[in-house]
PDB file of N, CA and C in Angstrom:
ATOM      1  N   GLN A   1     104.002 -34.048-101.368  1.00  0.00           N
ATOM      2  CA  GLN A   1     103.802 -33.321-100.111  1.00  0.00           C
ATOM      3  C   GLN A   1     104.267 -31.878-100.279  1.00  0.00           C
ATOM      4  N   VAL A   2     103.549 -30.957 -99.666  1.00  0.00           N
ATOM      5  CA  VAL A   2     103.868 -29.534 -99.729  1.00  0.00           C
ATOM      6  C   VAL A   2     104.161 -29.022 -98.323  1.00  0.00           C
ATOM      7  N   GLN A   3     105.174 -28.199 -98.223  1.00  0.00           N
ATOM      8  CA  GLN A   3     105.522 -27.571 -96.938  1.00  0.00           C
ATOM      9  C   GLN A   3     105.692 -26.076 -97.117  1.00  0.00           C
ATOM     10  N   LEU A   4     105.291 -25.319 -96.083  1.00  0.00           N
ATOM     11  CA  LEU A   4     105.573 -23.899 -96.000  1.00  0.00           C
ATOM     12  C   LEU A   4     106.458 -23.698 -94.778  1.00  0.00           C
ATOM     13  N   VAL A   5     107.636 -23.149 -95.002  1.00  0.00           N
ATOM     14  CA  VAL A   5     108.596 -22.968 -93.918  1.00  0.00           C
ATOM     15  C   VAL A   5     108.893 -21.486 -93.746  1.00  0.00           C
ATOM     16  N   GLU A   6     108.594 -20.985 -92.540  1.00  0.00           N
ATOM     17  CA  GLU A   6     108.788 -19.564 -92.232  1.00  0.00           C
ATOM     18  C   GLU A   6     110.102 -19.363 -91.500  1.00  0.00           C
ATOM     19  N   SER A   7     110.631 -18.170 -91.621  1.00  0.00           N
ATOM     20  CA  SER A   7     111.834 -17.785 -90.883  1.00  0.00           C
ATOM     21  C   SER A   7     111.844 -16.271 -90.711  1.00  0.00           C
ATOM     22  N   GLY A   8     112.677 -15.815 -89.772  1.00  0.00           N
ATOM     23  CA  GLY A   8     112.884 -14.378 -89.618  1.00  0.00           C
ATOM     24  C   GLY A   8     112.254 -13.750 -88.396  1.00  0.00           C
ATOM     25  N   GLY A   9     111.505 -14.507 -87.629  1.00  0.00           N
ATOM     26  CA  GLY A   9     110.919 -13.934 -86.426  1.00  0.00           C
ATOM     27  C   GLY A   9     111.969 -13.692 -85.354  1.00  0.00           C
ATOM     28  N   GLY A  10     111.547 -13.056 -84.262  1.00  0.00           N
ATOM     29  CA  GLY A  10     112.473 -12.802 -83.176  1.00  0.00           C
ATOM     30  C   GLY A  10     111.998 -11.701 -82.268  1.00  0.00           C
ATOM     31  N   LEU A  11     112.933 -11.215 -81.448  1.00  0.00           N
ATOM     32  CA  LEU A  11     112.658 -10.155 -80.478  1.00  0.00           C
ATOM     33  C   LEU A  11     113.289  -8.855 -80.979  1.00  0.00           C
ATOM     34  N   VAL A  12     112.504  -7.788 -80.954  1.00  0.00           N
ATOM     35  CA  VAL A  12     112.996  -6.503 -81.426  1.00  0.00           C
ATOM     36  C   VAL A  12     112.396  -5.399 -80.565  1.00  0.00           C
ATOM     37  N   GLN A  13     113.096  -4.299 -80.449  1.00  0.00           N
ATOM     38  CA  GLN A  13     112.567  -3.171 -79.698  1.00  0.00           C
ATOM     39  C   GLN A  13     111.571  -2.385 -80.546  1.00  0.00           C
ATOM     40  N   ALA A  14     110.684  -1.697 -79.882  1.00  0.00           N
ATOM     41  CA  ALA A  14     109.718  -0.844 -80.581  1.00  0.00           C
ATOM     42  C   ALA A  14     110.462   0.135 -81.488  1.00  0.00           C
ATOM     43  N   GLY A  15     109.936   0.281 -82.702  1.00  0.00           N
ATOM     44  CA  GLY A  15     110.575   1.128 -83.694  1.00  0.00           C
ATOM     45  C   GLY A  15     111.529   0.397 -84.606  1.00  0.00           C
ATOM     46  N   GLY A  16     111.836  -0.843 -84.260  1.00  0.00           N
ATOM     47  CA  GLY A  16     112.756  -1.631 -85.054  1.00  0.00           C
ATOM     48  C   GLY A  16     112.091  -2.316 -86.237  1.00  0.00           C
ATOM     49  N   SER A  17     112.876  -3.152 -86.920  1.00  0.00           N
ATOM     50  CA  SER A  17     112.407  -3.825 -88.135  1.00  0.00           C
ATOM     51  C   SER A  17     112.732  -5.308 -88.092  1.00  0.00           C
ATOM     52  N   LEU A  18     111.926  -6.078 -88.776  1.00  0.00           N
ATOM     53  CA  LEU A  18     112.157  -7.496 -89.010  1.00  0.00           C
ATOM     54  C   LEU A  18     111.679  -7.840 -90.406  1.00  0.00           C
ATOM     55  N   ARG A  19     112.280  -8.871 -90.978  1.00  0.00           N
ATOM     56  CA  ARG A  19     111.822  -9.370 -92.280  1.00  0.00           C
ATOM     57  C   ARG A  19     111.524 -10.849 -92.159  1.00  0.00           C
ATOM     58  N   LEU A  20     110.292 -11.207 -92.428  1.00  0.00           N
ATOM     59  CA  LEU A  20     109.872 -12.606 -92.417  1.00  0.00           C
ATOM     60  C   LEU A  20     109.926 -13.170 -93.834  1.00  0.00           C
ATOM     61  N   SER A  21     110.262 -14.454 -93.913  1.00  0.00           N
ATOM     62  CA  SER A  21     110.263 -15.170 -95.183  1.00  0.00           C
ATOM     63  C   SER A  21     109.462 -16.443 -95.039  1.00  0.00           C
ATOM     64  N   CYS A  22     108.845 -16.871 -96.128  1.00  0.00           N
ATOM     65  CA  CYS A  22     108.095 -18.124 -96.144  1.00  0.00           C
ATOM     66  C   CYS A  22     108.289 -18.771 -97.506  1.00  0.00           C
ATOM     67  N   ALA A  23     108.886 -19.949 -97.499  1.00  0.00           N
ATOM     68  CA  ALA A  23     109.157 -20.665 -98.740  1.00  0.00           C
ATOM     69  C   ALA A  23     108.257 -21.889 -98.847  1.00  0.00           C
ATOM     70  N   ALA A  24     107.593 -22.016 -99.969  1.00  0.00           N
ATOM     71  CA  ALA A  24     106.763 -23.188-100.245  1.00  0.00           C
ATOM     72  C   ALA A  24     107.581 -24.169-101.067  1.00  0.00           C
ATOM     73  N   SER A  25     107.533 -25.448-100.681  1.00  0.00           N
ATOM     74  CA  SER A  25     108.293 -26.465-101.398  1.00  0.00           C
ATOM     75  C   SER A  25     107.480 -27.749-101.511  1.00  0.00           C
ATOM     76  N   GLY A  26     107.929 -28.611-102.408  1.00  0.00           N
ATOM     77  CA  GLY A  26     107.232 -29.874-102.605  1.00  0.00           C
ATOM     78  C   GLY A  26     106.738 -29.989-104.029  1.00  0.00           C
ATOM     79  N   ASN A  27     105.709 -30.817-104.220  1.00  0.00           N
ATOM     80  CA  ASN A  27     105.182 -31.053-105.563  1.00  0.00           C
ATOM     81  C   ASN A  27     104.178 -29.966-105.944  1.00  0.00           C
ATOM     82  N   ILE A  28     104.725 -28.783-106.237  1.00  0.00           N
ATOM     83  CA  ILE A  28     103.902 -27.607-106.533  1.00  0.00           C
ATOM     84  C   ILE A  28     103.761 -27.408-108.024  1.00  0.00           C
ATOM     85  N   PHE A  29     102.523 -27.263-108.475  1.00  0.00           N
ATOM     86  CA  PHE A  29     102.251 -26.949-109.880  1.00  0.00           C
ATOM     87  C   PHE A  29     102.222 -25.443-110.082  1.00  0.00           C
ATOM     88  N   SER A  30     101.495 -24.742-109.242  1.00  0.00           N
ATOM     89  CA  SER A  30     101.449 -23.273-109.313  1.00  0.00           C
ATOM     90  C   SER A  30     101.006 -22.722-107.959  1.00  0.00           C
ATOM     91  N   VAL A  31     101.424 -21.494-107.693  1.00  0.00           N
ATOM     92  CA  VAL A  31     101.064 -20.825-106.448  1.00  0.00           C
ATOM     93  C   VAL A  31     100.223 -19.603-106.773  1.00  0.00           C
ATOM     94  N   ASN A  32      99.075 -19.498-106.181  1.00  0.00           N
ATOM     95  CA  ASN A  32      98.192 -18.359-106.397  1.00  0.00           C
ATOM     96  C   ASN A  32      98.472 -17.305-105.322  1.00  0.00           C
ATOM     97  N   ASP A  33      97.477 -16.972-104.516  1.00  0.00           N
ATOM     98  CA  ASP A  33      97.681 -15.980-103.475  1.00  0.00           C
ATOM     99  C   ASP A  33      98.593 -16.499-102.375  1.00  0.00           C
ATOM    100  N   MET A  34      99.397 -15.602-101.828  1.00  0.00           N
ATOM    101  CA  MET A  34     100.201 -15.894-100.634  1.00  0.00           C
ATOM    102  C   MET A  34      99.968 -14.758 -99.644  1.00  0.00           C
ATOM    103  N   GLY A  35     100.223 -15.040 -98.383  1.00  0.00           N
ATOM    104  CA  GLY A  35      99.996 -13.964 -97.430  1.00  0.00           C
ATOM    105  C   GLY A  35     100.443 -14.294 -96.026  1.00  0.00           C
ATOM    106  N   TRP A  36     100.239 -13.316 -95.167  1.00  0.00           N
ATOM    107  CA  TRP A  36     100.630 -13.420 -93.767  1.00  0.00           C
ATOM    108  C   TRP A  36      99.433 -13.104 -92.872  1.00  0.00           C
ATOM    109  N   TYR A  37      99.319 -13.898 -91.826  1.00  0.00           N
ATOM    110  CA  TYR A  37      98.313 -13.698 -90.791  1.00  0.00           C
ATOM    111  C   TYR A  37      99.038 -13.718 -89.452  1.00  0.00           C
ATOM    112  N   ARG A  38      98.385 -13.221 -88.424  1.00  0.00           N
ATOM    113  CA  ARG A  38      99.010 -13.254 -87.103  1.00  0.00           C
ATOM    114  C   ARG A  38      97.958 -13.533 -86.036  1.00  0.00           C
ATOM    115  N   GLN A  39      98.445 -14.094 -84.931  1.00  0.00           N
ATOM    116  CA  GLN A  39      97.558 -14.402 -83.812  1.00  0.00           C
ATOM    117  C   GLN A  39      98.258 -14.047 -82.520  1.00  0.00           C
ATOM    118  N   ALA A  40      97.699 -13.095 -81.807  1.00  0.00           N
ATOM    119  CA  ALA A  40      98.215 -12.702 -80.508  1.00  0.00           C
ATOM    120  C   ALA A  40      97.529 -13.535 -79.426  1.00  0.00           C
ATOM    121  N   PRO A  41      98.137 -13.660 -78.257  1.00  0.00           N
ATOM    122  CA  PRO A  41      97.529 -14.465 -77.187  1.00  0.00           C
ATOM    123  C   PRO A  41      96.126 -13.987 -76.853  1.00  0.00           C
ATOM    124  N   GLY A  42      95.192 -14.924 -76.819  1.00  0.00           N
ATOM    125  CA  GLY A  42      93.821 -14.590 -76.468  1.00  0.00           C
ATOM    126  C   GLY A  42      93.016 -13.941 -77.565  1.00  0.00           C
ATOM    127  N   LYS A  43      93.586 -13.824 -78.756  1.00  0.00           N
ATOM    128  CA  LYS A  43      92.889 -13.172 -79.863  1.00  0.00           C
ATOM    129  C   LYS A  43      92.758 -14.122 -81.041  1.00  0.00           C
ATOM    130  N   GLN A  44      91.844 -13.774 -81.948  1.00  0.00           N
ATOM    131  CA  GLN A  44      91.680 -14.575 -83.149  1.00  0.00           C
ATOM    132  C   GLN A  44      92.788 -14.267 -84.158  1.00  0.00           C
ATOM    133  N   ARG A  45      93.016 -15.240 -85.036  1.00  0.00           N
ATOM    134  CA  ARG A  45      93.975 -15.020 -86.106  1.00  0.00           C
ATOM    135  C   ARG A  45      93.421 -13.951 -87.047  1.00  0.00           C
ATOM    136  N   GLU A  46      94.278 -13.026 -87.471  1.00  0.00           N
ATOM    137  CA  GLU A  46      93.846 -11.931 -88.326  1.00  0.00           C
ATOM    138  C   GLU A  46      94.770 -11.771 -89.527  1.00  0.00           C
ATOM    139  N   LEU A  47      94.197 -11.240 -90.596  1.00  0.00           N
ATOM    140  CA  LEU A  47      94.972 -10.991 -91.800  1.00  0.00           C
ATOM    141  C   LEU A  47      95.935  -9.836 -91.568  1.00  0.00           C
ATOM    142  N   VAL A  48      97.169 -10.002 -92.049  1.00  0.00           N
ATOM    143  CA  VAL A  48      98.145  -8.919 -92.007  1.00  0.00           C
ATOM    144  C   VAL A  48      98.322  -8.343 -93.409  1.00  0.00           C
ATOM    145  N   ALA A  49      98.657  -9.223 -94.369  1.00  0.00           N
ATOM    146  CA  ALA A  49      98.879  -8.765 -95.742  1.00  0.00           C
ATOM    147  C   ALA A  49      98.795  -9.955 -96.681  1.00  0.00           C
ATOM    148  N   THR A  50      98.306  -9.707 -97.889  1.00  0.00           N
ATOM    149  CA  THR A  50      98.269 -10.747 -98.902  1.00  0.00           C
ATOM    150  C   THR A  50      98.792 -10.189-100.224  1.00  0.00           C
ATOM    151  N   ILE A  51      99.212 -11.101-101.097  1.00  0.00           N
ATOM    152  CA  ILE A  51      99.709 -10.706-102.411  1.00  0.00           C
ATOM    153  C   ILE A  51      99.305 -11.779-103.417  1.00  0.00           C
ATOM    154  N   THR A  52      98.784 -11.339-104.541  1.00  0.00           N
ATOM    155  CA  THR A  52      98.360 -12.274-105.575  1.00  0.00           C
ATOM    156  C   THR A  52      99.543 -12.650-106.465  1.00  0.00           C
ATOM    157  N   SER A  53      99.314 -13.601-107.354  1.00  0.00           N
ATOM    158  CA  SER A  53     100.364 -13.990-108.298  1.00  0.00           C
ATOM    159  C   SER A  53     100.704 -12.842-109.250  1.00  0.00           C
ATOM    160  N   GLY A  54      99.793 -11.880-109.379  1.00  0.00           N
ATOM    161  CA  GLY A  54     100.035 -10.702-110.201  1.00  0.00           C
ATOM    162  C   GLY A  54     100.545  -9.510-109.413  1.00  0.00           C
ATOM    163  N   ASP A  55     100.915  -9.745-108.149  1.00  0.00           N
ATOM    164  CA  ASP A  55     101.508  -8.741-107.267  1.00  0.00           C
ATOM    165  C   ASP A  55     100.535  -7.681-106.765  1.00  0.00           C
ATOM    166  N   SER A  56      99.237  -7.961-106.814  1.00  0.00           N
ATOM    167  CA  SER A  56      98.283  -7.068-106.147  1.00  0.00           C
ATOM    168  C   SER A  56      98.340  -7.352-104.650  1.00  0.00           C
ATOM    169  N   THR A  57      98.315  -6.305-103.852  1.00  0.00           N
ATOM    170  CA  THR A  57      98.475  -6.471-102.415  1.00  0.00           C
ATOM    171  C   THR A  57      97.289  -5.924-101.633  1.00  0.00           C
ATOM    172  N   GLU A  58      97.151  -6.448-100.417  1.00  0.00           N
ATOM    173  CA  GLU A  58      96.120  -5.988 -99.499  1.00  0.00           C
ATOM    174  C   GLU A  58      96.734  -5.986 -98.110  1.00  0.00           C
ATOM    175  N   TYR A  59      96.406  -4.959 -97.320  1.00  0.00           N
ATOM    176  CA  TYR A  59      96.976  -4.841 -95.982  1.00  0.00           C
ATOM    177  C   TYR A  59      95.884  -4.569 -94.946  1.00  0.00           C
ATOM    178  N   ALA A  60      96.122  -5.049 -93.735  1.00  0.00           N
ATOM    179  CA  ALA A  60      95.278  -4.642 -92.622  1.00  0.00           C
ATOM    180  C   ALA A  60      95.547  -3.156 -92.348  1.00  0.00           C
ATOM    181  N   ASP A  61      94.514  -2.446 -91.932  1.00  0.00           N
ATOM    182  CA  ASP A  61      94.673  -1.011 -91.662  1.00  0.00           C
ATOM    183  C   ASP A  61      95.763  -0.751 -90.633  1.00  0.00           C
ATOM    184  N   SER A  62      95.908  -1.653 -89.676  1.00  0.00           N
ATOM    185  CA  SER A  62      96.850  -1.452 -88.580  1.00  0.00           C
ATOM    186  C   SER A  62      98.311  -1.503 -89.022  1.00  0.00           C
ATOM    187  N   VAL A  63      98.576  -2.043 -90.216  1.00  0.00           N
ATOM    188  CA  VAL A  63      99.972  -2.175 -90.666  1.00  0.00           C
ATOM    189  C   VAL A  63     100.277  -1.356 -91.911  1.00  0.00           C
ATOM    190  N   LYS A  64      99.271  -0.729 -92.496  1.00  0.00           N
ATOM    191  CA  LYS A  64      99.490   0.065 -93.707  1.00  0.00           C
ATOM    192  C   LYS A  64     100.532   1.144 -93.463  1.00  0.00           C
ATOM    193  N   GLY A  65     101.464   1.253 -94.407  1.00  0.00           N
ATOM    194  CA  GLY A  65     102.510   2.256 -94.288  1.00  0.00           C
ATOM    195  C   GLY A  65     103.711   1.791 -93.491  1.00  0.00           C
ATOM    196  N   ARG A  66     103.580   0.657 -92.807  1.00  0.00           N
ATOM    197  CA  ARG A  66     104.704   0.134 -92.003  1.00  0.00           C
ATOM    198  C   ARG A  66     105.202  -1.210 -92.526  1.00  0.00           C
ATOM    199  N   PHE A  67     104.292  -2.037 -93.017  1.00  0.00           N
ATOM    200  CA  PHE A  67     104.644  -3.377 -93.500  1.00  0.00           C
ATOM    201  C   PHE A  67     104.554  -3.411 -95.020  1.00  0.00           C
ATOM    202  N   THR A  68     105.418  -4.234 -95.634  1.00  0.00           N
ATOM    203  CA  THR A  68     105.383  -4.431 -97.083  1.00  0.00           C
ATOM    204  C   THR A  68     105.485  -5.915 -97.390  1.00  0.00           C
ATOM    205  N   VAL A  69     104.530  -6.415 -98.157  1.00  0.00           N
ATOM    206  CA  VAL A  69     104.538  -7.812 -98.576  1.00  0.00           C
ATOM    207  C   VAL A  69     105.058  -7.881-100.016  1.00  0.00           C
ATOM    208  N   SER A  70     105.880  -8.900-100.284  1.00  0.00           N
ATOM    209  CA  SER A  70     106.409  -9.103-101.637  1.00  0.00           C
ATOM    210  C   SER A  70     106.600 -10.592-101.860  1.00  0.00           C
ATOM    211  N   ARG A  71     106.888 -10.975-103.089  1.00  0.00           N
ATOM    212  CA  ARG A  71     107.082 -12.396-103.372  1.00  0.00           C
ATOM    213  C   ARG A  71     108.088 -12.577-104.488  1.00  0.00           C
ATOM    214  N   ASP A  72     108.694 -13.763-104.484  1.00  0.00           N
ATOM    215  CA  ASP A  72     109.603 -14.191-105.549  1.00  0.00           C
ATOM    216  C   ASP A  72     108.977 -15.447-106.135  1.00  0.00           C
ATOM    217  N   ASN A  73     108.345 -15.314-107.282  1.00  0.00           N
ATOM    218  CA  ASN A  73     107.612 -16.440-107.860  1.00  0.00           C
ATOM    219  C   ASN A  73     108.547 -17.581-108.259  1.00  0.00           C
ATOM    220  N   ALA A  74     109.764 -17.260-108.657  1.00  0.00           N
ATOM    221  CA  ALA A  74     110.711 -18.311-109.052  1.00  0.00           C
ATOM    222  C   ALA A  74     111.085 -19.197-107.868  1.00  0.00           C
ATOM    223  N   LYS A  75     111.010 -18.620-106.668  1.00  0.00           N
ATOM    224  CA  LYS A  75     111.371 -19.370-105.459  1.00  0.00           C
ATOM    225  C   LYS A  75     110.151 -19.776-104.636  1.00  0.00           C
ATOM    226  N   ASN A  76     108.950 -19.456-105.116  1.00  0.00           N
ATOM    227  CA  ASN A  76     107.718 -19.737-104.360  1.00  0.00           C
ATOM    228  C   ASN A  76     107.830 -19.220-102.931  1.00  0.00           C
ATOM    229  N   THR A  77     108.332 -18.008-102.812  1.00  0.00           N
ATOM    230  CA  THR A  77     108.606 -17.426-101.504  1.00  0.00           C
ATOM    231  C   THR A  77     107.886 -16.092-101.356  1.00  0.00           C
ATOM    232  N   VAL A  78     107.341 -15.875-100.169  1.00  0.00           N
ATOM    233  CA  VAL A  78     106.710 -14.603 -99.842  1.00  0.00           C
ATOM    234  C   VAL A  78     107.452 -13.983 -98.666  1.00  0.00           C
ATOM    235  N   TYR A  79     107.547 -12.661 -98.686  1.00  0.00           N
ATOM    236  CA  TYR A  79     108.271 -11.928 -97.660  1.00  0.00           C
ATOM    237  C   TYR A  79     107.346 -10.925 -96.979  1.00  0.00           C
ATOM    238  N   LEU A  80     107.693 -10.574 -95.747  1.00  0.00           N
ATOM    239  CA  LEU A  80     106.990  -9.501 -95.058  1.00  0.00           C
ATOM    240  C   LEU A  80     108.044  -8.618 -94.389  1.00  0.00           C
ATOM    241  N   GLN A  81     108.230  -7.436 -94.926  1.00  0.00           N
ATOM    242  CA  GLN A  81     109.128  -6.463 -94.326  1.00  0.00           C
ATOM    243  C   GLN A  81     108.321  -5.647 -93.335  1.00  0.00           C
ATOM    244  N   MET A  82     108.742  -5.683 -92.076  1.00  0.00           N
ATOM    245  CA  MET A  82     108.014  -5.005 -91.013  1.00  0.00           C
ATOM    246  C   MET A  82     108.899  -3.898 -90.438  1.00  0.00           C
ATOM    247  N   ASN A  83     108.466  -2.679 -90.592  1.00  0.00           N
ATOM    248  CA  ASN A  83     109.194  -1.514 -90.074  1.00  0.00           C
ATOM    249  C   ASN A  83     108.355  -0.815 -89.012  1.00  0.00           C
ATOM    250  N   SER A  84     109.020   0.034 -88.247  1.00  0.00           N
ATOM    251  CA  SER A  84     108.329   0.808 -87.197  1.00  0.00           C
ATOM    252  C   SER A  84     107.460  -0.089 -86.331  1.00  0.00           C
ATOM    253  N   LEU A  85     108.034  -1.176 -85.893  1.00  0.00           N
ATOM    254  CA  LEU A  85     107.262  -2.154 -85.128  1.00  0.00           C
ATOM    255  C   LEU A  85     106.797  -1.579 -83.800  1.00  0.00           C
ATOM    256  N   LYS A  86     105.607  -2.032 -83.394  1.00  0.00           N
ATOM    257  CA  LYS A  86     104.993  -1.601 -82.154  1.00  0.00           C
ATOM    258  C   LYS A  86     104.754  -2.808 -81.251  1.00  0.00           C
ATOM    259  N   PRO A  87     104.654  -2.613 -79.948  1.00  0.00           N
ATOM    260  CA  PRO A  87     104.370  -3.748 -79.051  1.00  0.00           C
ATOM    261  C   PRO A  87     103.099  -4.504 -79.447  1.00  0.00           C
ATOM    262  N   GLU A  88     102.113  -3.798 -79.985  1.00  0.00           N
ATOM    263  CA  GLU A  88     100.873  -4.470 -80.385  1.00  0.00           C
ATOM    264  C   GLU A  88     101.042  -5.340 -81.636  1.00  0.00           C
ATOM    265  N   ASP A  89     102.206  -5.308 -82.265  1.00  0.00           N
ATOM    266  CA  ASP A  89     102.485  -6.224 -83.372  1.00  0.00           C
ATOM    267  C   ASP A  89     102.953  -7.592 -82.874  1.00  0.00           C
ATOM    268  N   THR A  90     103.162  -7.720 -81.575  1.00  0.00           N
ATOM    269  CA  THR A  90     103.604  -8.979 -80.999  1.00  0.00           C
ATOM    270  C   THR A  90     102.564 -10.066 -81.243  1.00  0.00           C
ATOM    271  N   ALA A  91     103.001 -11.173 -81.855  1.00  0.00           N
ATOM    272  CA  ALA A  91     102.093 -12.267 -82.208  1.00  0.00           C
ATOM    273  C   ALA A  91     102.899 -13.387 -82.849  1.00  0.00           C
ATOM    274  N   VAL A  92     102.227 -14.502 -83.048  1.00  0.00           N
ATOM    275  CA  VAL A  92     102.771 -15.550 -83.916  1.00  0.00           C
ATOM    276  C   VAL A  92     102.294 -15.244 -85.331  1.00  0.00           C
ATOM    277  N   TYR A  93     103.230 -15.180 -86.254  1.00  0.00           N
ATOM    278  CA  TYR A  93     102.922 -14.842 -87.640  1.00  0.00           C
ATOM    279  C   TYR A  93     102.923 -16.126 -88.470  1.00  0.00           C
ATOM    280  N   TYR A  94     101.840 -16.301 -89.222  1.00  0.00           N
ATOM    281  CA  TYR A  94     101.649 -17.493 -90.041  1.00  0.00           C
ATOM    282  C   TYR A  94     101.626 -17.120 -91.518  1.00  0.00           C
ATOM    283  N   CYS A  95     102.283 -17.937 -92.306  1.00  0.00           N
ATOM    284  CA  CYS A  95     102.255 -17.811 -93.759  1.00  0.00           C
ATOM    285  C   CYS A  95     101.140 -18.686 -94.307  1.00  0.00           C
ATOM    286  N   LYS A  96     100.484 -18.206 -95.339  1.00  0.00           N
ATOM    287  CA  LYS A  96      99.413 -18.966 -95.992  1.00  0.00           C
ATOM    288  C   LYS A  96      99.625 -18.917 -97.496  1.00  0.00           C
ATOM    289  N   ALA A  97      99.365 -20.039 -98.167  1.00  0.00           N
ATOM    290  CA  ALA A  97      99.470 -20.071 -99.622  1.00  0.00           C
ATOM    291  C   ALA A  97      98.335 -20.887-100.207  1.00  0.00           C
ATOM    292  N   ASN A  98      97.738 -20.363-101.255  1.00  0.00           N
ATOM    293  CA  ASN A  98      96.759 -21.108-102.037  1.00  0.00           C
ATOM    294  C   ASN A  98      97.471 -21.607-103.283  1.00  0.00           C
ATOM    295  N   LEU A  99      97.546 -22.911-103.443  1.00  0.00           N
ATOM    296  CA  LEU A  99      98.347 -23.438-104.527  1.00  0.00           C
ATOM    297  C   LEU A  99      97.762 -24.718-105.092  1.00  0.00           C
ATOM    298  N   ARG A 100      98.318 -25.121-106.243  1.00  0.00           N
ATOM    299  CA  ARG A 100      97.923 -26.377-106.878  1.00  0.00           C
ATOM    300  C   ARG A 100      99.118 -27.322-106.883  1.00  0.00           C
ATOM    301  N   ARG A 101      98.860 -28.552-106.570  1.00  0.00           N
ATOM    302  CA  ARG A 101      99.914 -29.582-106.577  1.00  0.00           C
ATOM    303  C   ARG A 101     100.003 -30.227-107.940  1.00  0.00           C
ATOM    304  N   THR A 102     101.157 -30.806-108.234  1.00  0.00           N
ATOM    305  CA  THR A 102     101.341 -31.452-109.538  1.00  0.00           C
ATOM    306  C   THR A 102     100.457 -32.674-109.694  1.00  0.00           C
ATOM    307  N   ASP A 103     100.092 -33.311-108.588  1.00  0.00           N
ATOM    308  CA  ASP A 103      99.262 -34.515-108.690  1.00  0.00           C
ATOM    309  C   ASP A 103      97.777 -34.202-108.746  1.00  0.00           C
ATOM    310  N   GLU A 104      97.405 -32.936-108.589  1.00  0.00           N
ATOM    311  CA  GLU A 104      96.006 -32.518-108.723  1.00  0.00           C
ATOM    312  C   GLU A 104      95.979 -31.057-109.145  1.00  0.00           C
ATOM    313  N   TYR A 105      96.504 -30.783-110.334  1.00  0.00           N
ATOM    314  CA  TYR A 105      96.727 -29.408-110.794  1.00  0.00           C
ATOM    315  C   TYR A 105      95.433 -28.650-111.016  1.00  0.00           C
ATOM    316  N   TYR A 106      94.304 -29.341-111.056  1.00  0.00           N
ATOM    317  CA  TYR A 106      93.007 -28.730-111.311  1.00  0.00           C
ATOM    318  C   TYR A 106      92.361 -28.209-110.023  1.00  0.00           C
ATOM    319  N   TYR A 107      92.975 -28.465-108.857  1.00  0.00           N
ATOM    320  CA  TYR A 107      92.350 -28.178-107.575  1.00  0.00           C
ATOM    321  C   TYR A 107      93.260 -27.295-106.729  1.00  0.00           C
ATOM    322  N   THR A 108      92.726 -26.194-106.229  1.00  0.00           N
ATOM    323  CA  THR A 108      93.486 -25.277-105.395  1.00  0.00           C
ATOM    324  C   THR A 108      93.271 -25.611-103.921  1.00  0.00           C
ATOM    325  N   ARG A 109      94.368 -25.794-103.211  1.00  0.00           N
ATOM    326  CA  ARG A 109      94.322 -26.086-101.774  1.00  0.00           C
ATOM    327  C   ARG A 109      94.998 -24.966-100.987  1.00  0.00           C
ATOM    328  N   THR A 110      94.647 -24.860 -99.728  1.00  0.00           N
ATOM    329  CA  THR A 110      95.240 -23.862 -98.837  1.00  0.00           C
ATOM    330  C   THR A 110      96.197 -24.547 -97.873  1.00  0.00           C
ATOM    331  N   TYR A 111      97.401 -23.983 -97.770  1.00  0.00           N
ATOM    332  CA  TYR A 111      98.413 -24.505 -96.859  1.00  0.00           C
ATOM    333  C   TYR A 111      98.864 -23.395 -95.905  1.00  0.00           C
ATOM    334  N   TRP A 112      99.225 -23.816 -94.686  1.00  0.00           N
ATOM    335  CA  TRP A 112      99.699 -22.895 -93.656  1.00  0.00           C
ATOM    336  C   TRP A 112     101.093 -23.307 -93.193  1.00  0.00           C
ATOM    337  N   GLY A 113     101.887 -22.309 -92.837  1.00  0.00           N
ATOM    338  CA  GLY A 113     103.156 -22.577 -92.203  1.00  0.00           C
ATOM    339  C   GLY A 113     102.968 -22.865 -90.721  1.00  0.00           C
ATOM    340  N   GLN A 114     104.068 -23.184 -90.046  1.00  0.00           N
ATOM    341  CA  GLN A 114     103.998 -23.565 -88.641  1.00  0.00           C
ATOM    342  C   GLN A 114     103.951 -22.360 -87.711  1.00  0.00           C
ATOM    343  N   GLY A 115     104.252 -21.178 -88.230  1.00  0.00           N
ATOM    344  CA  GLY A 115     104.224 -19.963 -87.429  1.00  0.00           C
ATOM    345  C   GLY A 115     105.604 -19.574 -86.929  1.00  0.00           C
ATOM    346  N   THR A 116     105.813 -18.274 -86.820  1.00  0.00           N
ATOM    347  CA  THR A 116     107.070 -17.755 -86.275  1.00  0.00           C
ATOM    348  C   THR A 116     106.730 -16.622 -85.304  1.00  0.00           C
ATOM    349  N   GLN A 117     107.371 -16.635 -84.154  1.00  0.00           N
ATOM    350  CA  GLN A 117     107.050 -15.666 -83.105  1.00  0.00           C
ATOM    351  C   GLN A 117     107.744 -14.332 -83.381  1.00  0.00           C
ATOM    352  N   VAL A 118     106.968 -13.274 -83.277  1.00  0.00           N
ATOM    353  CA  VAL A 118     107.504 -11.911 -83.335  1.00  0.00           C
ATOM    354  C   VAL A 118     107.146 -11.226 -82.019  1.00  0.00           C
ATOM    355  N   THR A 119     108.150 -10.754 -81.319  1.00  0.00           N
ATOM    356  CA  THR A 119     107.940 -10.068 -80.048  1.00  0.00           C
ATOM    357  C   THR A 119     108.563  -8.681 -80.114  1.00  0.00           C
ATOM    358  N   VAL A 120     107.741  -7.671 -79.829  1.00  0.00           N
ATOM    359  CA  VAL A 120     108.208  -6.287 -79.866  1.00  0.00           C
ATOM    360  C   VAL A 120     108.162  -5.733 -78.448  1.00  0.00           C
ATOM    361  N   SER A 121     109.308  -5.361 -77.932  1.00  0.00           N
ATOM    362  CA  SER A 121     109.375  -4.841 -76.565  1.00  0.00           C
ATOM    363  C   SER A 121     109.256  -3.314 -76.574  1.00  0.00           C
ATOM    364  N   SER A 122     108.671  -2.809 -75.501  1.00  0.00           N
ATOM    365  CA  SER A 122     108.470  -1.347 -75.421  1.00  0.00           C
ATOM    366  C   SER A 122     109.654  -0.656 -74.759  1.00  0.00           C
TER     367      SER A 122
END
């Protein structure tokens, strides 16, 4: 069984910072891409940032220059450093990982975390 567990969400004032973490655990053979998505009330889930196993990154235009995604491959953990937060960043943030399990190392599956709430007050 594989789990993705997120932490670090909370309430912050506009202009503040938060750091999200997401750790993948279980019978993991290898982890490929990892990333963060978010969903605000009444809106579709959208990509925030992704990072490959080779540390190539991609960001949504709305967060470029403010958010930084990173990972620790030894810990199967991905981070999202969020600076200069704005009220429009308020959403539930979800971690996503594409990985292979030890019992089916030839097949890549997608896993999601349970989500962590980020609220930015004005």
